[in-house]
Amino acid sequence: MSGEPSTTAELDRLDAALLEQRRLAHLVRRRGDELHELQVAHAELRVREQHLARLLDENGEKLEAVSEARRVLEQQLEGSTALRDELVARIASLEAELAGLHGTIDAMAADVRRARDARTWRWGHALARFARALTFRRGSRRSALDAALERAARIRGAGDR
């Protein structure tokens, strides 16, 4: 009977060892299940990490493209702003020149009115019309000064638009 336990104390000790072995086996199984769950979660995290890395690469490329487009648009905007400033300055210059021309046209129209209203011009015009009639040449219905005044008014009106 050398292989069988002989005493109660030894039986109790073997029962306790058997219970401890079962408890440890249960713990090992539980830890094994937890390890398996952790390995599955780790694999899922790796897949997710790879997916996120791909998305980051794609978005990085898109970000670079957007940044480049923004840089080009900013350059175009700077060019447009410079062109706008240049055009505003040119328009101001042309408006000043137009105002000067309006003054000149007004002064010329006043001179033409004075000439038309002068007695000497009226006498000279009447003589010229009489001479035309004597030579049987067709006379004009209006005077050159009246035509000049109408032309000045048309020019002045076109410049106001």
N, C-alpha and C. Protein backbone atom coordinates (compact mmCIF):
# COMPACT_ATOMS: atom_id res chain seq x y z
N MET A 1 0.78 -1.19 0.00
CA MET A 1 0.00 0.00 0.00
C MET A 1 0.82 1.25 0.00
N SER A 2 1.81 1.16 -0.69
CA SER A 2 2.75 2.25 -0.66
C SER A 2 2.24 3.45 -1.46
N GLY A 3 1.42 3.27 -2.52
CA GLY A 3 0.96 4.36 -3.35
C GLY A 3 -0.31 4.99 -2.86
N GLU A 4 -1.02 4.37 -1.89
CA GLU A 4 -2.27 4.93 -1.42
C GLU A 4 -2.06 5.67 -0.13
N PRO A 5 -2.80 6.74 0.02
CA PRO A 5 -2.67 7.51 1.26
C PRO A 5 -3.24 6.72 2.43
N SER A 6 -2.63 6.81 3.57
CA SER A 6 -3.04 5.98 4.69
C SER A 6 -3.70 6.77 5.80
N THR A 7 -3.51 8.01 5.85
CA THR A 7 -4.08 8.72 6.98
C THR A 7 -5.07 9.77 6.53
N THR A 8 -5.87 10.18 7.45
CA THR A 8 -6.89 11.19 7.18
C THR A 8 -6.22 12.52 6.88
N ALA A 9 -5.17 12.79 7.59
CA ALA A 9 -4.47 14.06 7.36
C ALA A 9 -3.92 14.08 5.94
N GLU A 10 -3.42 12.96 5.54
CA GLU A 10 -2.88 12.90 4.19
C GLU A 10 -4.01 12.99 3.18
N LEU A 11 -5.16 12.41 3.46
CA LEU A 11 -6.32 12.50 2.58
C LEU A 11 -6.82 13.95 2.52
N ASP A 12 -6.85 14.60 3.66
CA ASP A 12 -7.28 16.00 3.67
C ASP A 12 -6.31 16.86 2.85
N ARG A 13 -5.03 16.56 3.01
CA ARG A 13 -4.03 17.32 2.27
C ARG A 13 -4.17 17.05 0.79
N LEU A 14 -4.45 15.85 0.37
CA LEU A 14 -4.64 15.53 -1.05
C LEU A 14 -5.93 16.18 -1.58
N ASP A 15 -7.00 16.20 -0.75
CA ASP A 15 -8.25 16.87 -1.15
C ASP A 15 -7.99 18.37 -1.37
N ALA A 16 -7.25 18.94 -0.44
CA ALA A 16 -6.95 20.37 -0.55
C ALA A 16 -6.10 20.61 -1.80
N ALA A 17 -5.13 19.73 -2.07
CA ALA A 17 -4.29 19.88 -3.25
C ALA A 17 -5.12 19.72 -4.52
N LEU A 18 -6.07 18.76 -4.50
CA LEU A 18 -6.95 18.54 -5.64
C LEU A 18 -7.84 19.76 -5.87
N LEU A 19 -8.38 20.31 -4.79
CA LEU A 19 -9.21 21.52 -4.90
C LEU A 19 -8.37 22.69 -5.44
N GLU A 20 -7.16 22.81 -4.93
CA GLU A 20 -6.27 23.88 -5.40
C GLU A 20 -5.94 23.68 -6.88
N GLN A 21 -5.71 22.42 -7.27
CA GLN A 21 -5.42 22.13 -8.67
C GLN A 21 -6.63 22.50 -9.54
N ARG A 22 -7.84 22.17 -9.11
CA ARG A 22 -9.05 22.51 -9.86
C ARG A 22 -9.22 24.03 -9.93
N ARG A 23 -8.99 24.69 -8.79
CA ARG A 23 -9.11 26.14 -8.75
C ARG A 23 -8.10 26.77 -9.72
N LEU A 24 -6.87 26.26 -9.68
CA LEU A 24 -5.84 26.79 -10.56
C LEU A 24 -6.14 26.48 -12.02
N ALA A 25 -6.68 25.29 -12.28
CA ALA A 25 -7.05 24.93 -13.66
C ALA A 25 -8.16 25.85 -14.15
N HIS A 26 -9.11 26.14 -13.24
CA HIS A 26 -10.19 27.07 -13.60
C HIS A 26 -9.60 28.47 -13.87
N LEU A 27 -8.70 28.92 -13.04
CA LEU A 27 -8.06 30.23 -13.24
C LEU A 27 -7.27 30.25 -14.54
N VAL A 28 -6.55 29.18 -14.84
CA VAL A 28 -5.77 29.10 -16.07
C VAL A 28 -6.71 29.19 -17.28
N ARG A 29 -7.86 28.44 -17.21
CA ARG A 29 -8.82 28.51 -18.31
C ARG A 29 -9.37 29.93 -18.47
N ARG A 30 -9.71 30.55 -17.31
CA ARG A 30 -10.24 31.91 -17.35
C ARG A 30 -9.19 32.87 -17.91
N ARG A 31 -7.97 32.72 -17.46
CA ARG A 31 -6.90 33.59 -17.97
C ARG A 31 -6.65 33.30 -19.45
N GLY A 32 -6.77 32.06 -19.83
CA GLY A 32 -6.62 31.71 -21.25
C GLY A 32 -7.71 32.37 -22.09
N ASP A 33 -8.95 32.32 -21.57
CA ASP A 33 -10.05 32.99 -22.28
C ASP A 33 -9.81 34.50 -22.36
N GLU A 34 -9.35 35.08 -21.25
CA GLU A 34 -9.07 36.52 -21.24
C GLU A 34 -7.93 36.84 -22.20
N LEU A 35 -6.91 35.97 -22.24
CA LEU A 35 -5.79 36.17 -23.15
C LEU A 35 -6.28 36.10 -24.60
N HIS A 36 -7.17 35.15 -24.87
CA HIS A 36 -7.72 35.01 -26.22
C HIS A 36 -8.51 36.28 -26.59
N GLU A 37 -9.33 36.76 -25.65
CA GLU A 37 -10.10 37.98 -25.90
C GLU A 37 -9.17 39.17 -26.14
N LEU A 38 -8.08 39.24 -25.37
CA LEU A 38 -7.10 40.32 -25.56
C LEU A 38 -6.41 40.20 -26.91
N GLN A 39 -6.09 38.97 -27.33
CA GLN A 39 -5.46 38.78 -28.63
C GLN A 39 -6.40 39.18 -29.77
N VAL A 40 -7.68 38.84 -29.62
CA VAL A 40 -8.67 39.21 -30.63
C VAL A 40 -8.79 40.75 -30.67
N ALA A 41 -8.89 41.36 -29.49
CA ALA A 41 -9.00 42.82 -29.42
C ALA A 41 -7.75 43.48 -30.00
N HIS A 42 -6.58 42.90 -29.72
CA HIS A 42 -5.32 43.41 -30.25
C HIS A 42 -5.30 43.33 -31.77
N ALA A 43 -5.76 42.22 -32.32
CA ALA A 43 -5.81 42.05 -33.78
C ALA A 43 -6.78 43.07 -34.39
N GLU A 44 -7.93 43.26 -33.73
CA GLU A 44 -8.90 44.25 -34.22
C GLU A 44 -8.29 45.66 -34.17
N LEU A 45 -7.54 45.95 -33.11
CA LEU A 45 -6.90 47.25 -33.00
C LEU A 45 -5.85 47.44 -34.09
N ARG A 46 -5.12 46.39 -34.42
CA ARG A 46 -4.13 46.47 -35.50
C ARG A 46 -4.80 46.78 -36.83
N VAL A 47 -5.92 46.08 -37.09
CA VAL A 47 -6.66 46.32 -38.33
C VAL A 47 -7.15 47.76 -38.36
N ARG A 48 -7.70 48.21 -37.24
CA ARG A 48 -8.21 49.59 -37.14
C ARG A 48 -7.06 50.60 -37.31
N GLU A 49 -5.92 50.31 -36.71
CA GLU A 49 -4.76 51.19 -36.83
C GLU A 49 -4.30 51.29 -38.29
N GLN A 50 -4.28 50.15 -39.00
CA GLN A 50 -3.88 50.16 -40.41
C GLN A 50 -4.88 50.97 -41.24
N HIS A 51 -6.17 50.78 -40.92
CA HIS A 51 -7.22 51.53 -41.63
C HIS A 51 -7.04 53.04 -41.38
N LEU A 52 -6.79 53.41 -40.13
CA LEU A 52 -6.60 54.82 -39.80
C LEU A 52 -5.34 55.38 -40.45
N ALA A 53 -4.30 54.57 -40.54
CA ALA A 53 -3.07 55.01 -41.20
C ALA A 53 -3.33 55.28 -42.68
N ARG A 54 -4.11 54.39 -43.33
CA ARG A 54 -4.46 54.62 -44.74
C ARG A 54 -5.27 55.91 -44.89
N LEU A 55 -6.25 56.09 -43.99
CA LEU A 55 -7.07 57.31 -44.04
C LEU A 55 -6.20 58.55 -43.82
N LEU A 56 -5.26 58.45 -42.90
CA LEU A 56 -4.37 59.58 -42.63
C LEU A 56 -3.53 59.90 -43.86
N ASP A 57 -3.01 58.87 -44.53
CA ASP A 57 -2.24 59.09 -45.75
C ASP A 57 -3.10 59.75 -46.83
N GLU A 58 -4.32 59.22 -47.02
CA GLU A 58 -5.22 59.78 -48.04
C GLU A 58 -5.56 61.24 -47.70
N ASN A 59 -5.89 61.48 -46.44
CA ASN A 59 -6.25 62.83 -46.04
C ASN A 59 -5.05 63.77 -46.07
N GLY A 60 -3.87 63.23 -45.80
CA GLY A 60 -2.66 64.04 -45.90
C GLY A 60 -2.44 64.50 -47.33
N GLU A 61 -2.65 63.58 -48.29
CA GLU A 61 -2.52 63.94 -49.69
C GLU A 61 -3.56 64.99 -50.08
N LYS A 62 -4.80 64.79 -49.59
CA LYS A 62 -5.86 65.76 -49.89
C LYS A 62 -5.54 67.10 -49.25
N LEU A 63 -5.00 67.08 -48.05
CA LEU A 63 -4.65 68.32 -47.37
C LEU A 63 -3.56 69.06 -48.15
N GLU A 64 -2.59 68.31 -48.65
CA GLU A 64 -1.53 68.93 -49.45
C GLU A 64 -2.11 69.56 -50.71
N ALA A 65 -3.05 68.85 -51.36
CA ALA A 65 -3.68 69.38 -52.58
C ALA A 65 -4.49 70.64 -52.25
N VAL A 66 -5.21 70.62 -51.15
CA VAL A 66 -6.01 71.79 -50.76
C VAL A 66 -5.08 72.96 -50.41
N SER A 67 -3.99 72.67 -49.73
CA SER A 67 -3.04 73.72 -49.38
C SER A 67 -2.44 74.34 -50.64
N GLU A 68 -2.12 73.52 -51.61
CA GLU A 68 -1.56 74.02 -52.87
C GLU A 68 -2.59 74.87 -53.60
N ALA A 69 -3.84 74.39 -53.64
CA ALA A 69 -4.90 75.17 -54.30
C ALA A 69 -5.11 76.51 -53.59
N ARG A 70 -5.05 76.49 -52.28
CA ARG A 70 -5.22 77.73 -51.52
C ARG A 70 -4.08 78.70 -51.82
N ARG A 71 -2.87 78.19 -51.91
CA ARG A 71 -1.72 79.04 -52.22
C ARG A 71 -1.88 79.68 -53.59
N VAL A 72 -2.33 78.89 -54.57
CA VAL A 72 -2.54 79.41 -55.92
C VAL A 72 -3.64 80.47 -55.90
N LEU A 73 -4.72 80.21 -55.19
CA LEU A 73 -5.82 81.19 -55.10
C LEU A 73 -5.37 82.48 -54.42
N GLU A 74 -4.54 82.35 -53.39
CA GLU A 74 -4.04 83.55 -52.71
C GLU A 74 -3.16 84.37 -53.65
N GLN A 75 -2.36 83.70 -54.46
CA GLN A 75 -1.52 84.41 -55.44
C GLN A 75 -2.40 85.12 -56.47
N GLN A 76 -3.44 84.42 -56.93
CA GLN A 76 -4.35 85.05 -57.88
C GLN A 76 -5.06 86.23 -57.26
N LEU A 77 -5.44 86.10 -56.00
CA LEU A 77 -6.11 87.20 -55.30
C LEU A 77 -5.18 88.40 -55.18
N GLU A 78 -3.91 88.15 -54.85
CA GLU A 78 -2.95 89.24 -54.77
C GLU A 78 -2.80 89.94 -56.12
N GLY A 79 -2.74 89.13 -57.19
CA GLY A 79 -2.64 89.70 -58.54
C GLY A 79 -3.89 90.49 -58.89
N SER A 80 -5.06 89.95 -58.52
CA SER A 80 -6.32 90.65 -58.80
C SER A 80 -6.41 91.94 -58.00
N THR A 81 -5.95 91.90 -56.77
CA THR A 81 -5.98 93.11 -55.93
C THR A 81 -5.07 94.18 -56.52
N ALA A 82 -3.90 93.78 -56.96
CA ALA A 82 -2.97 94.74 -57.56
C ALA A 82 -3.57 95.30 -58.85
N LEU A 83 -4.19 94.44 -59.65
CA LEU A 83 -4.81 94.90 -60.89
C LEU A 83 -5.97 95.85 -60.58
N ARG A 84 -6.77 95.50 -59.56
CA ARG A 84 -7.89 96.37 -59.18
C ARG A 84 -7.38 97.74 -58.73
N ASP A 85 -6.33 97.75 -57.92
CA ASP A 85 -5.76 99.03 -57.47
C ASP A 85 -5.25 99.85 -58.65
N GLU A 86 -4.62 99.16 -59.59
CA GLU A 86 -4.10 99.84 -60.79
C GLU A 86 -5.26 100.42 -61.61
N LEU A 87 -6.34 99.62 -61.75
CA LEU A 87 -7.49 100.10 -62.51
C LEU A 87 -8.20 101.25 -61.81
N VAL A 88 -8.29 101.20 -60.49
CA VAL A 88 -8.91 102.30 -59.74
C VAL A 88 -8.11 103.59 -59.94
N ALA A 89 -6.80 103.47 -59.89
CA ALA A 89 -5.95 104.65 -60.11
C ALA A 89 -6.12 105.17 -61.54
N ARG A 90 -6.20 104.28 -62.50
CA ARG A 90 -6.38 104.68 -63.91
C ARG A 90 -7.74 105.35 -64.10
N ILE A 91 -8.78 104.79 -63.48
CA ILE A 91 -10.12 105.38 -63.58
C ILE A 91 -10.13 106.77 -62.97
N ALA A 92 -9.49 106.94 -61.82
CA ALA A 92 -9.43 108.27 -61.20
C ALA A 92 -8.71 109.25 -62.11
N SER A 93 -7.64 108.80 -62.75
CA SER A 93 -6.89 109.65 -63.67
C SER A 93 -7.77 110.04 -64.86
N LEU A 94 -8.50 109.06 -65.41
CA LEU A 94 -9.37 109.34 -66.56
C LEU A 94 -10.52 110.26 -66.17
N GLU A 95 -11.06 110.08 -64.97
CA GLU A 95 -12.14 110.96 -64.52
C GLU A 95 -11.64 112.40 -64.37
N ALA A 96 -10.42 112.55 -63.85
CA ALA A 96 -9.85 113.90 -63.73
C ALA A 96 -9.64 114.50 -65.11
N GLU A 97 -9.15 113.69 -66.03
CA GLU A 97 -8.93 114.17 -67.40
C GLU A 97 -10.27 114.54 -68.05
N LEU A 98 -11.29 113.73 -67.81
CA LEU A 98 -12.62 114.00 -68.35
C LEU A 98 -13.19 115.30 -67.78
N ALA A 99 -12.99 115.51 -66.48
CA ALA A 99 -13.45 116.76 -65.87
C ALA A 99 -12.76 117.96 -66.53
N GLY A 100 -11.47 117.82 -66.81
CA GLY A 100 -10.74 118.89 -67.50
C GLY A 100 -11.28 119.11 -68.90
N LEU A 101 -11.60 118.01 -69.60
CA LEU A 101 -12.15 118.14 -70.96
C LEU A 101 -13.54 118.79 -70.92
N HIS A 102 -14.32 118.45 -69.92
CA HIS A 102 -15.64 119.07 -69.78
C HIS A 102 -15.48 120.58 -69.61
N GLY A 103 -14.53 120.99 -68.81
CA GLY A 103 -14.26 122.42 -68.63
C GLY A 103 -13.86 123.08 -69.93
N THR A 104 -13.01 122.39 -70.68
CA THR A 104 -12.55 122.93 -71.97
C THR A 104 -13.72 123.04 -72.94
N ILE A 105 -14.57 122.00 -72.99
CA ILE A 105 -15.73 122.03 -73.89
C ILE A 105 -16.67 123.16 -73.48
N ASP A 106 -16.90 123.30 -72.18
CA ASP A 106 -17.78 124.38 -71.71
C ASP A 106 -17.22 125.75 -72.09
N ALA A 107 -15.90 125.93 -71.93
CA ALA A 107 -15.27 127.20 -72.29
C ALA A 107 -15.38 127.45 -73.79
N MET A 108 -15.17 126.40 -74.61
CA MET A 108 -15.28 126.53 -76.05
C MET A 108 -16.72 126.87 -76.44
N ALA A 109 -17.69 126.22 -75.81
CA ALA A 109 -19.09 126.50 -76.11
C ALA A 109 -19.43 127.95 -75.76
N ALA A 110 -18.89 128.44 -74.65
CA ALA A 110 -19.14 129.84 -74.28
C ALA A 110 -18.53 130.77 -75.32
N ASP A 111 -17.32 130.44 -75.80
CA ASP A 111 -16.68 131.25 -76.85
C ASP A 111 -17.52 131.25 -78.12
N VAL A 112 -18.04 130.08 -78.50
CA VAL A 112 -18.85 129.98 -79.72
C VAL A 112 -20.14 130.78 -79.54
N ARG A 113 -20.76 130.72 -78.36
CA ARG A 113 -21.98 131.50 -78.11
C ARG A 113 -21.70 133.00 -78.22
N ARG A 114 -20.57 133.43 -77.63
CA ARG A 114 -20.20 134.84 -77.72
C ARG A 114 -20.00 135.25 -79.18
N ALA A 115 -19.34 134.40 -79.95
CA ALA A 115 -19.11 134.71 -81.37
C ALA A 115 -20.44 134.75 -82.12
N ARG A 116 -21.31 133.78 -81.85
CA ARG A 116 -22.60 133.74 -82.53
C ARG A 116 -23.45 134.97 -82.19
N ASP A 117 -23.36 135.39 -80.93
CA ASP A 117 -24.16 136.53 -80.49
C ASP A 117 -23.54 137.88 -80.86
N ALA A 118 -22.31 137.89 -81.34
CA ALA A 118 -21.63 139.15 -81.67
C ALA A 118 -22.23 139.75 -82.95
N ARG A 119 -22.33 141.05 -82.96
CA ARG A 119 -22.93 141.76 -84.10
C ARG A 119 -22.08 141.57 -85.35
N THR A 120 -20.78 141.57 -85.24
CA THR A 120 -19.92 141.44 -86.41
C THR A 120 -20.12 140.08 -87.07
N TRP A 121 -20.28 139.04 -86.26
CA TRP A 121 -20.48 137.72 -86.87
C TRP A 121 -21.82 137.68 -87.59
N ARG A 122 -22.84 138.26 -86.96
CA ARG A 122 -24.16 138.25 -87.60
C ARG A 122 -24.10 139.00 -88.95
N TRP A 123 -23.41 140.17 -88.98
CA TRP A 123 -23.28 140.91 -90.25
C TRP A 123 -22.50 140.08 -91.27
N GLY A 124 -21.42 139.49 -90.84
CA GLY A 124 -20.61 138.68 -91.76
C GLY A 124 -21.40 137.48 -92.26
N HIS A 125 -22.16 136.85 -91.39
CA HIS A 125 -22.96 135.69 -91.78
C HIS A 125 -24.04 136.11 -92.78
N ALA A 126 -24.67 137.25 -92.51
CA ALA A 126 -25.70 137.73 -93.43
C ALA A 126 -25.11 138.03 -94.80
N LEU A 127 -23.91 138.64 -94.84
CA LEU A 127 -23.26 138.92 -96.12
C LEU A 127 -22.90 137.63 -96.87
N ALA A 128 -22.42 136.65 -96.12
CA ALA A 128 -22.06 135.37 -96.75
C ALA A 128 -23.31 134.71 -97.32
N ARG A 129 -24.43 134.78 -96.66
CA ARG A 129 -25.67 134.18 -97.16
C ARG A 129 -26.15 134.93 -98.41
N PHE A 130 -26.01 136.26 -98.36
CA PHE A 130 -26.42 137.06 -99.52
C PHE A 130 -25.55 136.71 -100.72
N ALA A 131 -24.23 136.58 -100.49
CA ALA A 131 -23.31 136.23 -101.58
C ALA A 131 -23.66 134.86 -102.15
N ARG A 132 -24.03 133.94 -101.33
CA ARG A 132 -24.42 132.60 -101.80
C ARG A 132 -25.68 132.72 -102.68
N ALA A 133 -26.58 133.53 -102.21
CA ALA A 133 -27.81 133.70 -102.99
C ALA A 133 -27.51 134.34 -104.35
N LEU A 134 -26.58 135.30 -104.39
CA LEU A 134 -26.24 135.97 -105.66
C LEU A 134 -25.58 135.00 -106.64
N THR A 135 -24.85 134.04 -106.11
CA THR A 135 -24.15 133.07 -106.97
C THR A 135 -24.98 131.82 -107.21
N PHE A 136 -26.20 131.85 -106.80
CA PHE A 136 -27.13 130.71 -106.95
C PHE A 136 -26.62 129.42 -106.33
N ARG A 137 -25.88 129.57 -105.27
CA ARG A 137 -25.40 128.38 -104.52
C ARG A 137 -26.33 128.15 -103.36
N ARG A 138 -26.54 126.94 -103.09
CA ARG A 138 -27.46 126.55 -102.02
C ARG A 138 -26.84 126.92 -100.67
N GLY A 139 -27.61 127.54 -99.83
CA GLY A 139 -27.11 127.92 -98.51
C GLY A 139 -27.46 126.85 -97.48
N SER A 140 -26.77 126.88 -96.36
CA SER A 140 -27.08 125.91 -95.31
C SER A 140 -28.21 126.45 -94.44
N ARG A 141 -28.94 125.58 -93.85
CA ARG A 141 -30.09 126.01 -93.05
C ARG A 141 -29.66 126.49 -91.67
N ARG A 142 -28.53 126.07 -91.23
CA ARG A 142 -28.07 126.52 -89.91
C ARG A 142 -26.62 126.96 -90.01
N SER A 143 -26.22 127.72 -89.03
CA SER A 143 -24.87 128.26 -89.08
C SER A 143 -23.86 127.25 -88.53
N ALA A 144 -22.62 127.46 -88.85
CA ALA A 144 -21.54 126.59 -88.38
C ALA A 144 -21.38 126.71 -86.87
N LEU A 145 -21.64 127.89 -86.33
CA LEU A 145 -21.53 128.06 -84.88
C LEU A 145 -22.63 127.30 -84.14
N ASP A 146 -23.85 127.30 -84.71
CA ASP A 146 -24.92 126.51 -84.10
C ASP A 146 -24.57 125.02 -84.15
N ALA A 147 -24.00 124.56 -85.27
CA ALA A 147 -23.58 123.16 -85.40
C ALA A 147 -22.49 122.83 -84.38
N ALA A 148 -21.56 123.77 -84.16
CA ALA A 148 -20.48 123.55 -83.18
C ALA A 148 -21.06 123.46 -81.77
N LEU A 149 -22.06 124.29 -81.46
CA LEU A 149 -22.69 124.23 -80.14
C LEU A 149 -23.43 122.90 -79.93
N GLU A 150 -24.11 122.43 -80.97
CA GLU A 150 -24.80 121.13 -80.87
C GLU A 150 -23.79 120.01 -80.67
N ARG A 151 -22.69 120.05 -81.42
CA ARG A 151 -21.64 119.02 -81.29
C ARG A 151 -21.05 119.04 -79.88
N ALA A 152 -20.81 120.22 -79.33
CA ALA A 152 -20.27 120.34 -77.97
C ALA A 152 -21.26 119.76 -76.96
N ALA A 153 -22.56 120.02 -77.17
CA ALA A 153 -23.57 119.48 -76.25
C ALA A 153 -23.61 117.95 -76.34
N ARG A 154 -23.49 117.40 -77.56
CA ARG A 154 -23.48 115.93 -77.72
C ARG A 154 -22.26 115.32 -77.04
N ILE A 155 -21.11 115.95 -77.23
CA ILE A 155 -19.87 115.45 -76.61
C ILE A 155 -19.99 115.51 -75.09
N ARG A 156 -20.49 116.62 -74.59
CA ARG A 156 -20.65 116.79 -73.14
C ARG A 156 -21.62 115.76 -72.59
N GLY A 157 -22.70 115.50 -73.32
CA GLY A 157 -23.70 114.51 -72.89
C GLY A 157 -23.14 113.09 -72.91
N ALA A 158 -22.31 112.78 -73.90
CA ALA A 158 -21.71 111.44 -73.98
C ALA A 158 -20.71 111.23 -72.87
N GLY A 159 -20.06 112.29 -72.43
CA GLY A 159 -19.06 112.15 -71.36
C GLY A 159 -19.69 111.96 -70.00
N ASP A 160 -20.98 112.35 -69.84
CA ASP A 160 -21.64 112.21 -68.55
C ASP A 160 -22.07 110.79 -68.27
N ARG A 161 -22.09 109.94 -69.26
CA ARG A 161 -22.58 108.56 -69.07
C ARG A 161 -21.65 107.73 -68.29
